[in-house]
């Protein structure tokens, strides 16, 4: 398929498909278009936009905002009790 592109240049897809059929190509028209899109098209930009970081408002006075983290203490450190660490 790539050899035909080199010989004939870039033809419109339907004419390229007709040329390939004359040379013994057996796959579908959609399969040929997928191949060309994968191998000859320019890479597309991702549609996902990067998130912009939001400004952090720390509060007006100390203690207005508090973050608490809870961790489970593993059994290897204990003797049968379940303990949690609050930070």
N, C-alpha and C. Protein backbone atom coordinates (compact mmCIF):
# COMPACT_ATOMS: atom_id res chain seq x y z
N UNK A 1 0.83 -1.18 0.00
CA UNK A 1 0.00 0.00 0.00
C UNK A 1 0.87 1.25 0.00
N UNK A 2 1.96 1.21 0.77
CA UNK A 2 2.84 2.38 0.83
C UNK A 2 3.55 2.57 -0.51
N UNK A 3 3.84 1.45 -1.20
CA UNK A 3 4.48 1.54 -2.51
C UNK A 3 3.59 2.25 -3.52
N UNK A 4 2.29 2.01 -3.45
CA UNK A 4 1.35 2.67 -4.36
C UNK A 4 1.34 4.16 -4.08
N UNK A 5 1.43 4.54 -2.83
CA UNK A 5 1.47 5.96 -2.47
C UNK A 5 2.73 6.60 -3.03
N UNK A 6 3.82 5.89 -2.98
CA UNK A 6 5.08 6.44 -3.52
C UNK A 6 5.00 6.59 -5.04
N UNK A 7 4.38 5.61 -5.72
CA UNK A 7 4.29 5.65 -7.18
C UNK A 7 3.29 6.69 -7.67
N UNK A 8 2.11 6.73 -7.04
CA UNK A 8 1.02 7.57 -7.53
C UNK A 8 0.92 8.90 -6.82
N UNK A 9 1.64 9.08 -5.76
CA UNK A 9 1.47 10.29 -4.97
C UNK A 9 0.21 10.17 -4.13
N UNK A 10 -0.19 11.24 -3.50
CA UNK A 10 -1.39 11.20 -2.67
C UNK A 10 -2.60 11.49 -3.54
N UNK A 11 -3.40 10.45 -3.75
CA UNK A 11 -4.64 10.57 -4.50
C UNK A 11 -5.79 10.74 -3.52
N UNK A 12 -6.94 11.20 -3.99
CA UNK A 12 -8.12 11.18 -3.12
C UNK A 12 -8.39 9.74 -2.69
N UNK A 13 -8.96 9.53 -1.50
CA UNK A 13 -9.10 8.17 -0.97
C UNK A 13 -9.81 7.19 -1.89
N UNK A 14 -10.87 7.62 -2.56
CA UNK A 14 -11.61 6.69 -3.41
C UNK A 14 -10.79 6.26 -4.62
N UNK A 15 -10.05 7.20 -5.21
CA UNK A 15 -9.20 6.83 -6.34
C UNK A 15 -8.04 5.93 -5.89
N UNK A 16 -7.51 6.19 -4.71
CA UNK A 16 -6.45 5.33 -4.17
C UNK A 16 -6.98 3.91 -3.94
N UNK A 17 -8.20 3.82 -3.42
CA UNK A 17 -8.81 2.50 -3.17
C UNK A 17 -9.02 1.76 -4.49
N UNK A 18 -9.46 2.47 -5.52
CA UNK A 18 -9.66 1.85 -6.83
C UNK A 18 -8.33 1.34 -7.39
N UNK A 19 -7.28 2.13 -7.25
CA UNK A 19 -5.95 1.71 -7.72
C UNK A 19 -5.47 0.48 -6.96
N UNK A 20 -5.71 0.46 -5.65
CA UNK A 20 -5.29 -0.69 -4.86
C UNK A 20 -6.07 -1.94 -5.24
N UNK A 21 -7.37 -1.81 -5.51
CA UNK A 21 -8.18 -2.97 -5.93
C UNK A 21 -7.65 -3.55 -7.23
N UNK A 22 -7.24 -2.69 -8.16
CA UNK A 22 -6.69 -3.17 -9.43
C UNK A 22 -5.39 -3.92 -9.22
N UNK A 23 -4.67 -3.62 -8.14
CA UNK A 23 -3.40 -4.28 -7.86
C UNK A 23 -3.54 -5.46 -6.90
N UNK A 24 -4.78 -5.83 -6.54
CA UNK A 24 -4.99 -7.03 -5.74
C UNK A 24 -5.27 -6.79 -4.27
N UNK A 25 -5.57 -5.58 -3.88
CA UNK A 25 -5.91 -5.27 -2.49
C UNK A 25 -7.25 -5.89 -2.14
N UNK A 26 -7.35 -6.55 -0.99
CA UNK A 26 -8.58 -7.29 -0.66
C UNK A 26 -9.33 -6.74 0.54
N UNK A 27 -8.80 -5.76 1.22
CA UNK A 27 -9.46 -5.25 2.43
C UNK A 27 -10.52 -4.22 2.08
N UNK A 28 -11.24 -3.77 3.08
CA UNK A 28 -12.34 -2.83 2.86
C UNK A 28 -11.83 -1.40 2.70
N UNK A 29 -12.73 -0.55 2.22
CA UNK A 29 -12.43 0.87 2.04
C UNK A 29 -12.17 1.53 3.40
N UNK A 30 -12.97 1.19 4.40
CA UNK A 30 -12.78 1.73 5.75
C UNK A 30 -11.45 1.32 6.34
N UNK A 31 -11.04 0.08 6.09
CA UNK A 31 -9.75 -0.39 6.58
C UNK A 31 -8.60 0.36 5.94
N UNK A 32 -8.74 0.68 4.65
CA UNK A 32 -7.71 1.44 3.97
C UNK A 32 -7.62 2.86 4.55
N UNK A 33 -8.77 3.48 4.81
CA UNK A 33 -8.77 4.83 5.37
C UNK A 33 -8.16 4.84 6.77
N UNK A 34 -8.44 3.81 7.58
CA UNK A 34 -7.84 3.72 8.92
C UNK A 34 -6.32 3.62 8.82
N UNK A 35 -5.85 2.79 7.88
CA UNK A 35 -4.41 2.63 7.68
C UNK A 35 -3.77 3.96 7.31
N UNK A 36 -4.37 4.68 6.39
CA UNK A 36 -3.81 5.95 5.96
C UNK A 36 -3.84 6.98 7.08
N UNK A 37 -4.92 6.99 7.86
CA UNK A 37 -5.00 7.93 8.98
C UNK A 37 -3.90 7.64 9.99
N UNK A 38 -3.65 6.35 10.23
CA UNK A 38 -2.66 5.96 11.23
C UNK A 38 -1.23 6.26 10.77
N UNK A 39 -0.96 6.02 9.48
CA UNK A 39 0.42 6.11 9.01
C UNK A 39 0.79 7.43 8.33
N UNK A 40 -0.17 8.18 7.83
CA UNK A 40 0.16 9.36 7.04
C UNK A 40 -0.39 10.67 7.59
N UNK A 41 -1.28 10.63 8.55
CA UNK A 41 -1.85 11.90 9.02
C UNK A 41 -0.96 12.52 10.09
N UNK A 42 -1.11 13.80 10.27
CA UNK A 42 -0.35 14.52 11.30
C UNK A 42 -0.89 14.15 12.67
N UNK A 43 -0.06 14.08 13.67
CA UNK A 43 -0.56 13.76 15.01
C UNK A 43 -1.52 14.85 15.49
N UNK A 44 -2.59 14.42 16.11
CA UNK A 44 -3.59 15.37 16.58
C UNK A 44 -3.28 15.80 18.00
N UNK A 45 -3.66 16.99 18.33
CA UNK A 45 -3.47 17.50 19.69
C UNK A 45 -4.50 16.84 20.61
N UNK A 46 -4.13 16.60 21.83
CA UNK A 46 -5.07 15.97 22.76
C UNK A 46 -6.20 16.94 23.09
N UNK A 47 -7.38 16.39 23.31
CA UNK A 47 -8.54 17.21 23.60
C UNK A 47 -8.64 17.58 25.07
N UNK A 48 -7.84 16.94 25.91
CA UNK A 48 -7.89 17.21 27.34
C UNK A 48 -7.02 18.43 27.63
N UNK A 49 -7.62 19.41 28.20
CA UNK A 49 -6.87 20.62 28.55
C UNK A 49 -6.27 20.46 29.93
N UNK A 50 -5.05 20.93 30.11
CA UNK A 50 -4.44 20.80 31.44
C UNK A 50 -5.18 21.68 32.45
N UNK A 51 -5.30 21.15 33.66
CA UNK A 51 -5.98 21.91 34.72
C UNK A 51 -5.11 23.05 35.20
N UNK A 52 -5.73 24.20 35.38
CA UNK A 52 -4.99 25.34 35.92
C UNK A 52 -5.07 25.26 37.43
N UNK A 53 -3.95 25.42 38.11
CA UNK A 53 -4.00 25.36 39.57
C UNK A 53 -4.79 26.54 40.13
N UNK A 54 -5.61 26.25 41.12
CA UNK A 54 -6.42 27.29 41.74
C UNK A 54 -5.61 27.97 42.85
N UNK A 55 -5.85 29.22 43.01
CA UNK A 55 -5.18 29.96 44.07
C UNK A 55 -5.71 29.48 45.43
N UNK A 56 -4.82 29.28 46.38
CA UNK A 56 -5.20 28.78 47.71
C UNK A 56 -5.49 29.97 48.61
N UNK A 57 -6.68 29.96 49.17
CA UNK A 57 -7.07 30.98 50.13
C UNK A 57 -6.88 30.38 51.52
N UNK A 58 -5.85 30.79 52.19
CA UNK A 58 -5.50 30.19 53.47
C UNK A 58 -6.39 30.60 54.62
N UNK A 59 -7.25 31.54 54.43
CA UNK A 59 -8.11 31.99 55.52
C UNK A 59 -7.65 33.33 56.05
N UNK A 60 -8.52 33.96 56.80
CA UNK A 60 -8.23 35.30 57.31
C UNK A 60 -7.57 35.27 58.69
N UNK A 61 -7.78 34.19 59.44
CA UNK A 61 -7.19 34.10 60.77
C UNK A 61 -6.73 32.66 60.98
N UNK A 62 -5.77 32.40 61.85
CA UNK A 62 -5.25 31.05 62.09
C UNK A 62 -6.35 30.13 62.62
N UNK A 63 -6.42 28.94 62.04
CA UNK A 63 -7.40 27.96 62.48
C UNK A 63 -8.70 28.00 61.70
N UNK A 64 -8.83 28.93 60.76
CA UNK A 64 -10.06 29.01 59.97
C UNK A 64 -10.17 27.79 59.05
N UNK A 65 -9.06 27.39 58.51
CA UNK A 65 -9.03 26.20 57.66
C UNK A 65 -8.14 25.16 58.32
N UNK A 66 -8.63 23.93 58.42
CA UNK A 66 -7.88 22.85 59.06
C UNK A 66 -7.93 21.64 58.15
N UNK A 67 -6.79 21.00 57.96
CA UNK A 67 -6.74 19.76 57.19
C UNK A 67 -6.37 18.64 58.13
N UNK A 68 -7.17 17.59 58.12
CA UNK A 68 -6.94 16.45 59.01
C UNK A 68 -6.69 15.22 58.14
N UNK A 69 -5.63 14.49 58.47
CA UNK A 69 -5.28 13.27 57.75
C UNK A 69 -5.39 12.11 58.74
N UNK A 70 -6.07 11.03 58.34
CA UNK A 70 -6.25 9.87 59.20
C UNK A 70 -5.49 8.69 58.58
N UNK A 71 -4.63 8.08 59.37
CA UNK A 71 -3.85 6.92 58.91
C UNK A 71 -4.13 5.74 59.82
N UNK A 72 -4.22 4.55 59.24
CA UNK A 72 -4.39 3.32 59.99
C UNK A 72 -3.02 2.81 60.38
N UNK A 73 -2.81 2.49 61.64
CA UNK A 73 -1.53 1.97 62.11
C UNK A 73 -1.50 0.47 61.83
N UNK A 74 -0.49 -0.06 61.12
CA UNK A 74 -0.45 -1.48 60.76
C UNK A 74 -0.34 -2.38 61.99
N UNK A 75 -0.83 -3.63 61.84
CA UNK A 75 -0.83 -4.59 62.95
C UNK A 75 0.59 -4.99 63.35
N UNK A 76 1.55 -4.86 62.44
CA UNK A 76 2.92 -5.23 62.77
C UNK A 76 3.48 -4.34 63.88
N UNK A 77 2.93 -3.16 64.03
CA UNK A 77 3.41 -2.23 65.06
C UNK A 77 2.66 -2.39 66.37
N UNK A 78 1.60 -3.19 66.40
CA UNK A 78 0.72 -3.26 67.57
C UNK A 78 0.59 -4.69 68.08
N UNK A 79 -0.13 -4.83 69.17
CA UNK A 79 -0.38 -6.15 69.76
C UNK A 79 -1.88 -6.42 69.79
N UNK A 80 -2.55 -6.42 68.64
CA UNK A 80 -3.94 -6.81 68.57
C UNK A 80 -4.95 -5.67 68.55
N UNK A 81 -4.54 -4.46 68.87
CA UNK A 81 -5.48 -3.34 68.88
C UNK A 81 -5.50 -2.67 67.52
N UNK A 82 -6.60 -1.99 67.22
CA UNK A 82 -6.67 -1.16 66.03
C UNK A 82 -6.47 0.28 66.46
N UNK A 83 -5.46 0.92 65.87
CA UNK A 83 -5.21 2.30 66.21
C UNK A 83 -5.18 3.14 64.94
N UNK A 84 -5.55 4.41 65.10
CA UNK A 84 -5.52 5.35 63.99
C UNK A 84 -4.73 6.57 64.42
N UNK A 85 -4.02 7.15 63.48
CA UNK A 85 -3.23 8.33 63.74
C UNK A 85 -3.89 9.50 63.04
N UNK A 86 -4.22 10.54 63.80
CA UNK A 86 -4.81 11.76 63.24
C UNK A 86 -3.72 12.83 63.19
N UNK A 87 -3.50 13.36 62.01
CA UNK A 87 -2.47 14.39 61.83
C UNK A 87 -3.13 15.68 61.37
